[in-house]
Amino acid sequence: MLLPLPSPAVAQGAIKWRLASSFPKSLEGLWGASPTLAKYVNEMSDGKFTIDPFAAGEIVPGLQVLDAVANGTVECGHSYGGYYIGKNPTLIFDGSLPFGMTPRQQNAWYLYGDGKKLMDEVYDGMGVVSIPIGNTGGQTFGWFPEGDEVTSRFQRHQDARCGFSAGRYCRSSA
């Protein structure tokens, strides 16, 4: 998960930001990071910096969070880099690459292997700053019943995929 932020600004007095999330409130495991972050920022600043989190669709659609931050519609957002590989394919490395690193490996690469430095170069070109606020781990490709139904489903593209794995999936089943 990511927290894109606009370039820092110096402000006097209380600060109030809106956070647009790519996740609906029904996905507590993903959505829950946004209100938790907002709570901690508020507590650490003694109420001088508040962040109001909004679920997917409340301000912008879930897959437009990066654009909303970049163009100033909201001050910050919570999303997954892999949703935006159409803008830049390298964004998959800021999230979880299917069949890629484990969460521990991803964090090690990001924090100690120049991963953050490399991702900062990508996000600089978009006018945002990325701060990790969690790691759900890589997506599996799926579990399928045995038999001809699997091949048939591949051919009809009936299994849901997002981002990078969707591209690999569609090419392999064409």
Protein backbone atom coordinates (compact mmCIF):
# COMPACT_ATOMS: atom_id res chain seq x y z
CA MET A 1 0.00 0.00 0.00
CA LEU A 2 1.10 3.53 -0.66
CA LEU A 3 0.48 6.98 0.66
CA PRO A 4 1.10 9.47 -2.13
CA LEU A 5 1.50 13.01 -0.87
CA PRO A 6 1.87 16.29 -2.72
CA SER A 7 5.13 18.17 -2.38
CA PRO A 8 5.52 19.40 1.19
CA ALA A 9 4.22 22.82 2.11
CA VAL A 10 5.01 24.83 5.21
CA ALA A 11 1.90 25.98 7.06
CA GLN A 12 1.15 27.85 10.25
CA GLY A 13 -1.51 26.67 12.68
CA ALA A 14 -3.79 23.69 12.19
CA ILE A 15 -3.51 21.57 9.07
CA LYS A 16 -6.43 19.57 7.67
CA TRP A 17 -6.01 17.15 4.79
CA ARG A 18 -8.38 14.83 2.95
CA LEU A 19 -7.20 11.32 2.15
CA ALA A 20 -8.81 9.50 -0.77
CA SER A 21 -8.51 5.72 -0.59
CA SER A 22 -8.64 3.17 -3.40
CA PHE A 23 -10.38 0.78 -1.03
CA PRO A 24 -14.00 0.51 0.12
CA LYS A 25 -14.83 0.38 3.82
CA SER A 26 -16.01 -3.20 3.34
CA LEU A 27 -12.35 -4.27 2.84
CA GLU A 28 -11.24 -3.62 6.41
CA GLY A 29 -7.82 -5.17 5.89
CA LEU A 30 -7.01 -2.58 3.22
CA TRP A 31 -9.28 0.35 4.13
CA GLY A 32 -8.36 0.11 7.83
CA ALA A 33 -4.88 1.53 7.28
CA SER A 34 -6.32 4.92 6.28
CA PRO A 35 -8.29 5.71 9.47
CA THR A 36 -5.46 4.21 11.54
CA LEU A 37 -2.92 6.53 9.92
CA ALA A 38 -5.27 9.49 10.40
CA LYS A 39 -5.69 8.65 14.08
CA TYR A 40 -1.93 8.42 14.71
CA VAL A 41 -1.14 11.65 12.84
CA ASN A 42 -3.82 13.46 14.85
CA GLU A 43 -2.51 12.07 18.15
CA MET A 44 1.16 12.77 17.39
CA SER A 45 0.39 16.37 16.42
CA ASP A 46 -1.90 17.03 19.39
CA GLY A 47 -4.74 17.67 16.95
CA LYS A 48 -2.82 20.26 14.91
CA PHE A 49 -2.68 18.00 11.85
CA THR A 50 -5.82 16.08 10.96
CA ILE A 51 -6.42 13.74 8.06
CA ASP A 52 -9.99 12.84 7.09
CA PRO A 53 -10.03 9.50 5.24
CA PHE A 54 -12.58 8.86 2.48
CA ALA A 55 -13.27 5.43 1.00
CA ALA A 56 -13.17 4.63 -2.71
CA GLY A 57 -15.84 6.58 -4.57
CA GLU A 58 -16.54 9.12 -1.82
CA ILE A 59 -14.36 11.78 -3.47
CA VAL A 60 -12.90 10.05 -6.51
CA PRO A 61 -13.19 6.52 -7.92
CA GLY A 62 -10.75 4.08 -6.33
CA LEU A 63 -8.49 3.85 -9.37
CA GLN A 64 -8.11 7.63 -9.69
CA VAL A 65 -6.48 8.28 -6.33
CA LEU A 66 -2.98 8.86 -7.73
CA ASP A 67 -4.32 11.40 -10.23
CA ALA A 68 -6.38 13.11 -7.52
CA VAL A 69 -3.27 13.62 -5.40
CA ALA A 70 -1.11 14.69 -8.34
CA ASN A 71 -3.62 17.31 -9.52
CA GLY A 72 -4.41 18.61 -6.03
CA THR A 73 -7.99 17.36 -5.74
CA VAL A 74 -6.97 15.83 -2.39
CA GLU A 75 -3.91 16.34 -0.24
CA CYS A 76 -3.04 12.65 0.14
CA GLY A 77 -4.17 9.20 -0.86
CA HIS A 78 -3.92 5.52 0.00
CA SER A 79 -3.63 3.14 -2.91
CA TYR A 80 -1.62 0.31 -4.48
CA GLY A 81 1.09 1.13 -7.01
CA GLY A 82 0.16 -1.81 -9.20
CA TYR A 83 -3.15 -0.14 -10.06
CA TYR A 84 -1.23 2.48 -12.03
CA ILE A 85 1.10 0.40 -14.19
CA GLY A 86 -0.62 1.86 -17.24
CA LYS A 87 1.02 5.18 -16.31
CA ASN A 88 4.39 3.59 -15.61
CA PRO A 89 5.04 -0.18 -15.57
CA THR A 90 7.74 0.18 -12.91
CA LEU A 91 5.05 1.04 -10.35
CA ILE A 92 4.48 -2.71 -9.94
CA PHE A 93 7.71 -2.79 -7.94
CA ASP A 94 6.30 -0.34 -5.40
CA GLY A 95 3.55 -2.80 -4.61
CA SER A 96 3.48 -6.53 -4.61
CA LEU A 97 4.68 -8.19 -7.78
CA PRO A 98 2.76 -11.43 -8.39
CA PHE A 99 5.12 -14.36 -7.87
CA GLY A 100 7.67 -11.81 -6.63
CA MET A 101 9.25 -11.10 -3.28
CA THR A 102 7.78 -11.94 0.08
CA PRO A 103 6.74 -8.96 2.25
CA ARG A 104 10.02 -9.21 4.19
CA GLN A 105 12.06 -9.29 1.00
CA GLN A 106 10.07 -6.37 -0.45
CA ASN A 107 10.66 -4.29 2.68
CA ALA A 108 14.36 -5.14 2.70
CA TRP A 109 14.73 -4.14 -0.96
CA TYR A 110 12.75 -0.95 -0.37
CA LEU A 111 14.54 0.15 2.81
CA TYR A 112 18.07 -1.23 2.32
CA GLY A 113 18.45 -2.05 -1.37
CA ASP A 114 17.77 1.37 -2.89
CA GLY A 115 14.15 0.46 -3.68
CA LYS A 116 12.85 3.70 -2.15
CA LYS A 117 15.43 5.71 -4.09
CA LEU A 118 14.35 4.09 -7.36
CA MET A 119 10.63 4.51 -6.65
CA ASP A 120 11.16 8.15 -5.64
CA GLU A 121 12.54 8.80 -9.13
CA VAL A 122 9.33 7.42 -10.64
CA TYR A 123 7.01 9.33 -8.31
CA ASP A 124 8.99 12.57 -8.70
CA GLY A 125 7.93 12.55 -12.34
CA MET A 126 4.31 12.37 -11.21
CA GLY A 127 4.59 15.18 -8.70
CA VAL A 128 3.93 13.05 -5.62
CA VAL A 129 5.89 11.51 -2.77
CA SER A 130 5.29 7.89 -1.77
CA ILE A 131 5.38 6.62 1.80
CA PRO A 132 4.70 2.93 2.48
CA ILE A 133 2.05 2.21 5.10
CA GLY A 134 1.75 -1.54 4.82
CA ASN A 135 2.45 -4.60 2.73
CA THR A 136 -0.17 -7.21 1.92
CA GLY A 137 2.24 -9.51 0.12
CA GLY A 138 2.13 -10.77 -3.43
CA GLN A 139 -1.08 -11.91 -5.05
CA THR A 140 -1.40 -15.53 -5.94
CA PHE A 141 -2.56 -16.32 -9.42
CA GLY A 142 -5.50 -18.29 -8.05
CA TRP A 143 -6.83 -21.66 -7.08
CA PHE A 144 -8.76 -23.58 -9.68
CA PRO A 145 -10.79 -26.78 -9.83
CA GLU A 146 -9.31 -29.60 -11.81
CA GLY A 147 -10.52 -30.38 -15.28
CA ASP A 148 -11.50 -28.69 -18.51
CA GLU A 149 -13.34 -25.87 -16.72
CA VAL A 150 -9.98 -24.21 -15.92
CA THR A 151 -8.98 -24.03 -19.59
CA SER A 152 -12.43 -22.80 -20.52
CA ARG A 153 -12.31 -20.04 -17.89
CA PHE A 154 -8.88 -18.93 -19.12
CA GLN A 155 -10.15 -18.74 -22.68
CA ARG A 156 -13.22 -16.71 -21.62
CA HIS A 157 -11.16 -14.46 -19.25
CA GLN A 158 -13.67 -15.00 -16.46
CA ASP A 159 -11.29 -14.74 -13.54
CA ALA A 160 -10.72 -11.31 -12.02
CA ARG A 161 -7.18 -9.96 -12.13
CA CYS A 162 -5.77 -6.48 -11.69
CA GLY A 163 -2.63 -4.72 -12.75
CA PHE A 164 0.43 -6.71 -13.71
CA SER A 165 -1.01 -10.19 -13.29
CA ALA A 166 -3.96 -9.30 -15.53
CA GLY A 167 -1.59 -8.54 -18.40
CA ARG A 168 0.34 -11.77 -17.94
CA TYR A 169 -2.90 -13.72 -17.58
CA CYS A 170 -4.56 -12.32 -20.69
CA ARG A 171 -1.48 -12.93 -22.88
CA SER A 172 -1.06 -16.50 -21.62
CA SER A 173 -4.70 -17.42 -22.25
CA ALA A 174 -5.14 -15.83 -25.67
